[in-house]
Protein backbone atom coordinates (compact mmCIF):
# COMPACT_ATOMS: atom_id res chain seq x y z
CA TYR A 1 40.85 17.89 20.85
CA LYS A 2 41.62 15.63 18.32
CA ALA A 3 43.63 12.51 18.45
CA GLN A 4 44.57 9.96 16.32
CA GLY A 5 46.71 6.39 15.79
CA VAL A 6 47.48 3.08 14.10
CA VAL A 7 46.55 0.08 16.61
CA GLU A 8 47.61 -3.32 16.05
CA ASP A 9 44.44 -5.02 16.35
CA VAL A 10 40.42 -5.58 14.95
CA THR A 11 37.74 -3.15 15.73
CA ASN A 12 35.63 -5.14 17.31
CA ARG A 13 38.19 -5.68 19.94
CA ILE A 14 39.64 -2.28 20.29
CA VAL A 15 36.05 -0.45 21.04
CA ASP A 16 35.09 -3.36 23.32
CA HIS A 17 38.43 -1.98 25.12
CA ILE A 18 37.28 1.62 25.04
CA HIS A 19 33.68 1.98 25.46
CA PRO A 20 31.59 1.26 28.86
CA GLY A 21 31.87 -2.01 30.18
CA PRO A 22 34.68 -4.69 32.14
CA TYR A 23 37.85 -3.88 30.14
CA ARG A 24 38.48 0.37 30.60
CA LEU A 25 39.33 -0.10 34.46
CA ASP A 26 41.85 -2.65 34.13
CA TRP A 27 44.05 -0.54 31.51
CA ASP A 28 42.52 3.25 31.57
CA SER A 29 45.33 5.07 34.15
CA LEU A 30 43.41 7.73 33.95
CA MET A 31 39.86 6.56 34.93
CA THR A 32 39.53 5.58 39.31
CA SER A 33 35.55 4.37 39.00
CA MET A 34 33.12 3.83 36.37
CA ASP A 35 29.95 2.81 37.41
CA ILE A 36 26.63 2.13 34.80
CA MET A 37 24.00 3.98 36.08
CA GLU A 38 20.99 3.32 33.12
CA THR A 39 21.08 0.83 30.55
CA PHE A 40 19.08 1.44 27.73
CA GLU A 41 20.08 -1.71 25.33
CA GLU A 42 23.62 -3.19 25.10
CA ASN A 43 25.54 -1.04 23.24
CA CYS A 44 23.52 2.25 25.15
CA CYS A 45 23.93 3.43 28.47
CA VAL A 46 24.96 6.20 31.24
CA MET A 47 27.83 5.99 33.40
CA ARG A 48 29.52 7.96 35.91
CA TYR A 49 33.32 8.05 36.05
CA THR A 50 36.37 9.56 38.05
CA THR A 51 39.21 10.32 36.74
CA ALA A 52 42.82 10.75 38.55
CA GLY A 53 44.11 14.21 40.00
CA GLN A 54 46.37 15.80 36.98
CA LEU A 55 50.10 17.62 36.91
CA TRP A 56 50.91 17.29 40.90
CA ASN A 57 47.14 17.84 41.42
CA ILE A 58 47.05 20.77 40.03
CA ILE A 59 44.03 19.70 37.91
CA ALA A 60 41.84 17.38 41.23
CA PRO A 61 39.90 14.32 39.60
CA ARG A 62 36.74 15.48 37.99
CA GLU A 63 33.37 13.15 38.09
CA PHE A 64 31.31 12.78 34.73
CA VAL A 65 28.09 11.35 33.92
CA ASP A 66 27.84 10.75 30.07
CA PHE A 67 25.62 9.58 28.06
CA SER A 68 27.11 6.34 25.75
CA TYR A 69 26.35 4.99 22.70
CA THR A 70 28.65 2.44 20.38
CA THR A 71 27.26 2.10 16.87
CA SER A 72 28.82 0.87 13.14
CA TYR A 73 30.60 2.85 10.99
CA GLU A 74 31.10 2.22 7.64
CA ASP A 75 33.76 -0.76 7.90
CA GLY A 76 34.11 -0.52 11.86
CA LEU A 77 33.17 1.56 15.09
CA LEU A 78 31.64 4.87 16.45
CA THR A 79 31.39 5.47 20.35
CA CYS A 80 30.58 8.35 21.14
CA GLY A 81 29.30 10.41 24.15
CA ILE A 82 28.03 13.99 25.93
CA SER A 83 27.15 14.59 29.78
CA LEU A 84 24.61 14.96 31.55
CA ASP A 85 23.34 16.70 34.31
CA TYR A 86 22.07 13.32 36.28
CA GLY A 87 22.49 12.60 39.45
CA GLU A 88 23.72 13.87 42.59
CA VAL A 89 28.18 15.34 42.16
CA ARG A 90 30.47 13.05 44.98
CA PRO A 91 31.96 15.07 47.18
CA ASN A 92 35.54 15.57 46.60
CA VAL A 93 35.54 15.87 43.23
CA VAL A 94 34.68 18.34 40.72
CA ARG A 95 31.75 17.59 37.98
CA GLY A 96 33.36 18.27 34.33
CA PHE A 97 31.43 18.05 31.23
CA ASN A 98 31.93 16.48 28.34
CA HIS A 99 30.04 18.42 24.81
CA PRO A 100 29.46 15.71 21.73
CA CYS A 101 32.69 13.17 21.59
CA GLY A 102 33.42 9.85 20.02
CA TRP A 103 36.19 7.67 18.94
CA PHE A 104 35.87 6.11 15.43
CA CYS A 105 37.88 3.22 14.69
CA VAL A 106 38.25 1.38 11.39
CA PRO A 107 40.30 -1.47 9.92
CA LEU A 108 43.06 0.07 7.60
CA LYS A 109 42.47 -0.92 3.91
CA ASP A 110 45.71 -2.25 3.32
CA CYS A 111 46.19 -4.20 6.72
CA PRO A 112 42.83 -4.77 8.13
CA SER A 113 45.01 -6.25 11.21
CA HIS A 114 45.69 -2.42 12.20
CA SER A 115 43.02 -0.17 13.19
CA LEU A 116 42.96 3.78 12.47
CA LEU A 117 41.53 5.05 16.16
CA THR A 118 40.67 8.66 15.76
CA GLY A 119 38.86 10.98 18.65
CA TYR A 120 37.16 14.15 19.20
CA ILE A 121 37.13 14.80 22.87
CA GLN A 122 35.72 18.72 23.68
CA THR A 123 35.59 18.29 27.66
CA GLU A 124 35.22 21.04 29.84
CA LEU A 125 36.89 20.00 33.03
CA ARG A 126 35.10 23.07 34.51
CA GLY A 127 37.02 24.63 37.83
CA MET A 128 39.36 27.45 38.06
CA LEU A 129 42.14 26.21 35.81
CA PRO A 130 44.08 27.97 33.42
CA GLN A 131 43.98 26.80 29.90
CA SER A 132 47.92 25.99 29.49
CA ALA A 133 47.23 23.41 32.31
CA VAL A 134 44.10 21.89 30.59
CA ASP A 135 46.15 21.85 27.38
CA THR A 136 49.22 19.96 29.24
CA ALA A 137 47.48 16.96 30.90
CA MET A 138 45.32 16.54 27.60
CA SER A 139 48.09 16.14 25.19
CA SER A 140 49.84 13.98 28.39
CA THR A 141 46.66 12.04 29.10
CA LEU A 142 45.86 11.31 25.52
CA ALA A 143 49.38 9.76 24.34
CA ASN A 144 48.91 7.82 27.71
CA PHE A 145 45.28 6.53 26.60
CA TYR A 146 46.51 5.16 22.88
CA SER A 147 50.01 3.63 25.22
CA ASP A 148 47.72 1.99 27.93
CA LEU A 149 45.18 0.86 25.32
CA LYS A 150 47.84 -1.03 22.69
CA LYS A 151 49.86 -2.34 26.38
CA SER A 152 46.39 -3.68 27.44
CA LEU A 153 45.39 -5.44 23.91
CA LYS A 154 48.76 -6.85 23.52
CA THR A 155 48.01 -9.28 26.81
């Protein structure tokens, strides 16, 4: 999946809200928990997080364990990740898997107080799910992601 939108803020502040850390649980309505399991340096960690059930719980809550890395990219920032086979799966959730994913955030050339945020998401929710349900859930999740992020940045 690819998601792209203009966000009214500077790249550093946007990525501070996206990458693993204290802001993410405050605004991302899909995430229900997030734990930093291991930190390698300030911008590099292994995190475990759970997502809420979707589509009236047709898609049950999911757990992911991802390696996450944030670095400079052109004039902006890139935060990327990939799932790891790490630790025990918690009860009452399905362990999903993220193939290489990333969010690129670069300032708009003609308006540096705004940024272009582009996400590439390759997720396997796993479990017995019809692809149409996954596609519907992903489209609404990504739309909500941008909406929730924009609201959070205004506060």
